[in-house]
Amino acid sequence: MKHRLPVGVSWARDKKCYKAQAKIDGRIKHLGYHSSPYPALLAYIDAKRVMVRKLLNENRKMQHFITKELVQLRLTQMEQRGFEQIYKYLQEREATQ
């Protein structure tokens, strides 16, 4: 079985590293190059979190829907290999905010 990369992460052949990118406001946003897929995934999650917070601030009526989408994003990430480390990082990060 071929190794699958987390959502938002791809292998950049020319740079020989992992690339993070996310679709934000209808455009693909480059989030940087990383030595392993997990920092790239964290960059993707952070970008999506910022997008969700921006949407929440713009339209409070959609709060329930957006929160549901954020939960779905987290569930998708939990299916990825090695999510325990990322989840621990996110918990620590949320605790400091």
N, C-alpha and C. Protein backbone atom coordinates (compact mmCIF):
# COMPACT_ATOMS: atom_id res chain seq x y z
N MET A 1 0.84 -1.18 0.00
CA MET A 1 0.00 0.00 0.00
C MET A 1 0.88 1.25 0.00
N LYS A 2 0.52 2.18 -0.79
CA LYS A 2 1.29 3.41 -0.92
C LYS A 2 1.05 4.30 0.30
N HIS A 3 2.13 4.94 0.78
CA HIS A 3 2.01 5.84 1.93
C HIS A 3 1.22 7.07 1.53
N ARG A 4 0.19 7.40 2.29
CA ARG A 4 -0.64 8.56 2.01
C ARG A 4 -0.22 9.72 2.91
N LEU A 5 -0.15 10.88 2.32
CA LEU A 5 0.21 12.08 3.08
C LEU A 5 -1.06 12.71 3.66
N PRO A 6 -0.92 13.44 4.76
CA PRO A 6 -2.07 14.13 5.34
C PRO A 6 -2.64 15.17 4.38
N VAL A 7 -3.88 15.52 4.60
CA VAL A 7 -4.53 16.53 3.77
C VAL A 7 -3.75 17.84 3.87
N GLY A 8 -3.59 18.53 2.73
CA GLY A 8 -2.87 19.80 2.70
C GLY A 8 -1.36 19.66 2.57
N VAL A 9 -0.87 18.42 2.48
CA VAL A 9 0.58 18.17 2.41
C VAL A 9 0.88 17.39 1.14
N SER A 10 1.93 17.80 0.45
CA SER A 10 2.38 17.06 -0.73
C SER A 10 3.91 17.05 -0.75
N TRP A 11 4.46 16.16 -1.57
CA TRP A 11 5.90 16.07 -1.72
C TRP A 11 6.34 16.98 -2.85
N ALA A 12 7.27 17.86 -2.59
CA ALA A 12 7.81 18.76 -3.61
C ALA A 12 9.08 18.12 -4.17
N ARG A 13 8.95 17.50 -5.33
CA ARG A 13 10.08 16.78 -5.92
C ARG A 13 11.30 17.67 -6.15
N ASP A 14 11.04 18.85 -6.69
CA ASP A 14 12.15 19.74 -7.02
C ASP A 14 12.91 20.22 -5.79
N LYS A 15 12.21 20.40 -4.66
CA LYS A 15 12.85 20.87 -3.42
C LYS A 15 13.26 19.73 -2.50
N LYS A 16 12.74 18.52 -2.79
CA LYS A 16 13.00 17.33 -1.97
C LYS A 16 12.59 17.54 -0.51
N CYS A 17 11.38 18.06 -0.36
CA CYS A 17 10.82 18.26 0.98
C CYS A 17 9.30 18.29 0.85
N TYR A 18 8.63 18.44 1.98
CA TYR A 18 7.17 18.45 2.00
C TYR A 18 6.65 19.88 1.89
N LYS A 19 5.58 20.04 1.14
CA LYS A 19 5.00 21.35 0.90
C LYS A 19 3.60 21.38 1.53
N ALA A 20 3.30 22.47 2.24
CA ALA A 20 1.97 22.66 2.82
C ALA A 20 1.25 23.73 2.03
N GLN A 21 -0.03 23.47 1.75
CA GLN A 21 -0.85 24.46 1.08
C GLN A 21 -2.30 24.23 1.45
N ALA A 22 -3.08 25.32 1.40
CA ALA A 22 -4.49 25.25 1.77
C ALA A 22 -5.28 26.17 0.86
N LYS A 23 -6.52 25.80 0.60
CA LYS A 23 -7.40 26.66 -0.18
C LYS A 23 -8.11 27.60 0.78
N ILE A 24 -7.83 28.90 0.63
CA ILE A 24 -8.39 29.92 1.50
C ILE A 24 -8.94 31.03 0.62
N ASP A 25 -10.19 31.38 0.87
CA ASP A 25 -10.88 32.41 0.07
C ASP A 25 -10.84 32.09 -1.42
N GLY A 26 -10.98 30.82 -1.76
CA GLY A 26 -11.03 30.40 -3.15
C GLY A 26 -9.69 30.33 -3.86
N ARG A 27 -8.62 30.58 -3.16
CA ARG A 27 -7.28 30.55 -3.76
C ARG A 27 -6.38 29.61 -2.98
N ILE A 28 -5.46 28.96 -3.69
CA ILE A 28 -4.48 28.09 -3.03
C ILE A 28 -3.41 28.98 -2.40
N LYS A 29 -3.21 28.80 -1.10
CA LYS A 29 -2.20 29.57 -0.38
C LYS A 29 -1.04 28.65 -0.02
N HIS A 30 0.16 29.03 -0.43
CA HIS A 30 1.37 28.26 -0.10
C HIS A 30 1.72 28.54 1.36
N LEU A 31 1.95 27.47 2.13
CA LEU A 31 2.21 27.61 3.57
C LEU A 31 3.63 27.26 3.96
N GLY A 32 4.46 26.94 2.99
CA GLY A 32 5.86 26.69 3.28
C GLY A 32 6.32 25.27 2.98
N TYR A 33 7.63 25.10 3.04
CA TYR A 33 8.28 23.81 2.83
C TYR A 33 8.76 23.30 4.19
N HIS A 34 8.67 21.98 4.38
CA HIS A 34 9.01 21.38 5.67
C HIS A 34 9.79 20.08 5.46
N SER A 35 10.59 19.73 6.45
CA SER A 35 11.43 18.54 6.34
C SER A 35 10.65 17.24 6.56
N SER A 36 9.50 17.31 7.23
CA SER A 36 8.66 16.13 7.42
C SER A 36 7.20 16.53 7.22
N PRO A 37 6.31 15.54 7.06
CA PRO A 37 4.91 15.88 6.79
C PRO A 37 4.19 16.48 7.99
N TYR A 38 4.64 16.24 9.20
CA TYR A 38 3.90 16.69 10.38
C TYR A 38 3.96 18.20 10.61
N PRO A 39 5.12 18.84 10.47
CA PRO A 39 5.11 20.31 10.55
C PRO A 39 4.29 20.93 9.41
N ALA A 40 4.30 20.29 8.25
CA ALA A 40 3.49 20.78 7.13
C ALA A 40 2.01 20.67 7.46
N LEU A 41 1.63 19.56 8.09
CA LEU A 41 0.23 19.40 8.50
C LEU A 41 -0.16 20.43 9.55
N LEU A 42 0.74 20.73 10.47
CA LEU A 42 0.44 21.75 11.48
C LEU A 42 0.25 23.12 10.83
N ALA A 43 1.03 23.42 9.81
CA ALA A 43 0.87 24.69 9.10
C ALA A 43 -0.50 24.73 8.42
N TYR A 44 -0.92 23.61 7.85
CA TYR A 44 -2.24 23.52 7.21
C TYR A 44 -3.36 23.73 8.24
N ILE A 45 -3.25 23.06 9.37
CA ILE A 45 -4.27 23.17 10.42
C ILE A 45 -4.34 24.61 10.94
N ASP A 46 -3.17 25.22 11.16
CA ASP A 46 -3.16 26.62 11.63
C ASP A 46 -3.81 27.56 10.62
N ALA A 47 -3.53 27.36 9.34
CA ALA A 47 -4.13 28.22 8.31
C ALA A 47 -5.64 28.05 8.28
N LYS A 48 -6.11 26.83 8.39
CA LYS A 48 -7.56 26.59 8.39
C LYS A 48 -8.21 27.15 9.66
N ARG A 49 -7.51 27.04 10.78
CA ARG A 49 -8.05 27.59 12.03
C ARG A 49 -8.21 29.11 11.92
N VAL A 50 -7.22 29.79 11.34
CA VAL A 50 -7.29 31.24 11.14
C VAL A 50 -8.48 31.57 10.24
N MET A 51 -8.65 30.79 9.18
CA MET A 51 -9.77 31.02 8.26
C MET A 51 -11.11 30.87 8.98
N VAL A 52 -11.24 29.84 9.80
CA VAL A 52 -12.48 29.61 10.53
C VAL A 52 -12.75 30.75 11.52
N ARG A 53 -11.72 31.19 12.23
CA ARG A 53 -11.90 32.30 13.16
C ARG A 53 -12.32 33.57 12.43
N LYS A 54 -11.75 33.81 11.27
CA LYS A 54 -12.12 34.97 10.47
C LYS A 54 -13.59 34.89 10.06
N LEU A 55 -14.01 33.73 9.63
CA LEU A 55 -15.41 33.55 9.24
C LEU A 55 -16.35 33.72 10.43
N LEU A 56 -15.94 33.22 11.59
CA LEU A 56 -16.76 33.38 12.79
C LEU A 56 -16.94 34.85 13.14
N ASN A 57 -15.88 35.61 13.03
CA ASN A 57 -15.96 37.03 13.34
C ASN A 57 -16.82 37.78 12.34
N GLU A 58 -16.80 37.34 11.08
CA GLU A 58 -17.58 38.02 10.05
C GLU A 58 -19.07 37.71 10.13
N ASN A 59 -19.40 36.53 10.55
CA ASN A 59 -20.80 36.16 10.54
C ASN A 59 -21.12 35.22 11.71
N ARG A 60 -21.56 35.77 12.79
CA ARG A 60 -21.87 34.97 13.99
C ARG A 60 -23.03 34.01 13.78
N LYS A 61 -23.91 34.32 12.84
CA LYS A 61 -25.06 33.44 12.58
C LYS A 61 -24.62 32.07 12.08
N MET A 62 -23.45 32.03 11.44
CA MET A 62 -22.97 30.76 10.90
C MET A 62 -22.09 30.01 11.89
N GLN A 63 -22.04 30.43 13.12
CA GLN A 63 -21.13 29.85 14.10
C GLN A 63 -21.32 28.34 14.24
N HIS A 64 -22.55 27.88 14.31
CA HIS A 64 -22.79 26.45 14.48
C HIS A 64 -22.25 25.66 13.28
N PHE A 65 -22.53 26.13 12.08
CA PHE A 65 -22.07 25.45 10.88
C PHE A 65 -20.55 25.41 10.81
N ILE A 66 -19.90 26.53 11.08
CA ILE A 66 -18.45 26.61 10.99
C ILE A 66 -17.79 25.74 12.06
N THR A 67 -18.36 25.74 13.27
CA THR A 67 -17.84 24.89 14.33
C THR A 67 -17.93 23.42 13.92
N LYS A 68 -19.04 23.06 13.28
CA LYS A 68 -19.20 21.69 12.79
C LYS A 68 -18.13 21.36 11.75
N GLU A 69 -17.83 22.32 10.86
CA GLU A 69 -16.80 22.10 9.86
C GLU A 69 -15.42 21.94 10.50
N LEU A 70 -15.14 22.71 11.54
CA LEU A 70 -13.87 22.61 12.24
C LEU A 70 -13.74 21.25 12.91
N VAL A 71 -14.82 20.76 13.51
CA VAL A 71 -14.81 19.43 14.12
C VAL A 71 -14.55 18.38 13.05
N GLN A 72 -15.19 18.52 11.88
CA GLN A 72 -14.97 17.57 10.79
C GLN A 72 -13.52 17.60 10.34
N LEU A 73 -12.92 18.79 10.26
CA LEU A 73 -11.51 18.91 9.89
C LEU A 73 -10.64 18.16 10.89
N ARG A 74 -10.92 18.34 12.16
CA ARG A 74 -10.14 17.64 13.19
C ARG A 74 -10.32 16.13 13.09
N LEU A 75 -11.54 15.67 12.81
CA LEU A 75 -11.77 14.23 12.68
C LEU A 75 -10.99 13.68 11.48
N THR A 76 -10.95 14.43 10.39
CA THR A 76 -10.20 14.01 9.22
C THR A 76 -8.72 13.89 9.58
N GLN A 77 -8.22 14.85 10.33
CA GLN A 77 -6.81 14.82 10.71
C GLN A 77 -6.51 13.66 11.65
N MET A 78 -7.49 13.31 12.50
CA MET A 78 -7.27 12.23 13.46
C MET A 78 -7.05 10.90 12.75
N GLU A 79 -7.55 10.77 11.54
CA GLU A 79 -7.37 9.53 10.79
C GLU A 79 -5.97 9.40 10.23
N GLN A 80 -5.23 10.48 10.23
CA GLN A 80 -3.89 10.46 9.66
C GLN A 80 -2.92 9.78 10.63
N ARG A 81 -1.89 9.16 10.03
CA ARG A 81 -0.87 8.47 10.82
C ARG A 81 -0.11 9.48 11.67
N GLY A 82 0.12 9.15 12.93
CA GLY A 82 0.89 10.00 13.80
C GLY A 82 0.13 11.16 14.39
N PHE A 83 -1.20 11.10 14.37
CA PHE A 83 -1.99 12.24 14.83
C PHE A 83 -1.83 12.49 16.33
N GLU A 84 -1.47 11.47 17.08
CA GLU A 84 -1.34 11.65 18.53
C GLU A 84 -0.37 12.79 18.86
N GLN A 85 0.73 12.87 18.15
CA GLN A 85 1.70 13.93 18.40
C GLN A 85 1.12 15.29 18.06
N ILE A 86 0.40 15.37 16.97
CA ILE A 86 -0.20 16.63 16.54
C ILE A 86 -1.29 17.05 17.52
N TYR A 87 -2.10 16.10 17.95
CA TYR A 87 -3.18 16.41 18.89
C TYR A 87 -2.61 16.94 20.20
N LYS A 88 -1.53 16.32 20.67
CA LYS A 88 -0.87 16.78 21.89
C LYS A 88 -0.36 18.21 21.71
N TYR A 89 0.25 18.47 20.56
CA TYR A 89 0.74 19.81 20.25
C TYR A 89 -0.41 20.82 20.25
N LEU A 90 -1.52 20.47 19.62
CA LEU A 90 -2.67 21.39 19.55
C LEU A 90 -3.25 21.66 20.93
N GLN A 91 -3.33 20.63 21.78
CA GLN A 91 -3.83 20.82 23.14
C GLN A 91 -2.93 21.78 23.91
N GLU A 92 -1.62 21.59 23.79
CA GLU A 92 -0.68 22.48 24.48
C GLU A 92 -0.79 23.89 23.95
N ARG A 93 -0.94 24.01 22.65
CA ARG A 93 -1.04 25.34 22.04
C ARG A 93 -2.33 26.07 22.46
N GLU A 94 -3.45 25.34 22.50
CA GLU A 94 -4.71 25.94 22.92
C GLU A 94 -4.66 26.32 24.39
N ALA A 95 -3.95 25.56 25.19
CA ALA A 95 -3.85 25.85 26.62
C ALA A 95 -3.06 27.14 26.87
N THR A 96 -2.14 27.45 25.95
CA THR A 96 -1.35 28.67 26.13
C THR A 96 -2.03 29.90 25.56
N GLN A 97 -3.09 29.71 24.77
CA GLN A 97 -3.78 30.87 24.18
C GLN A 97 -4.84 31.41 25.06
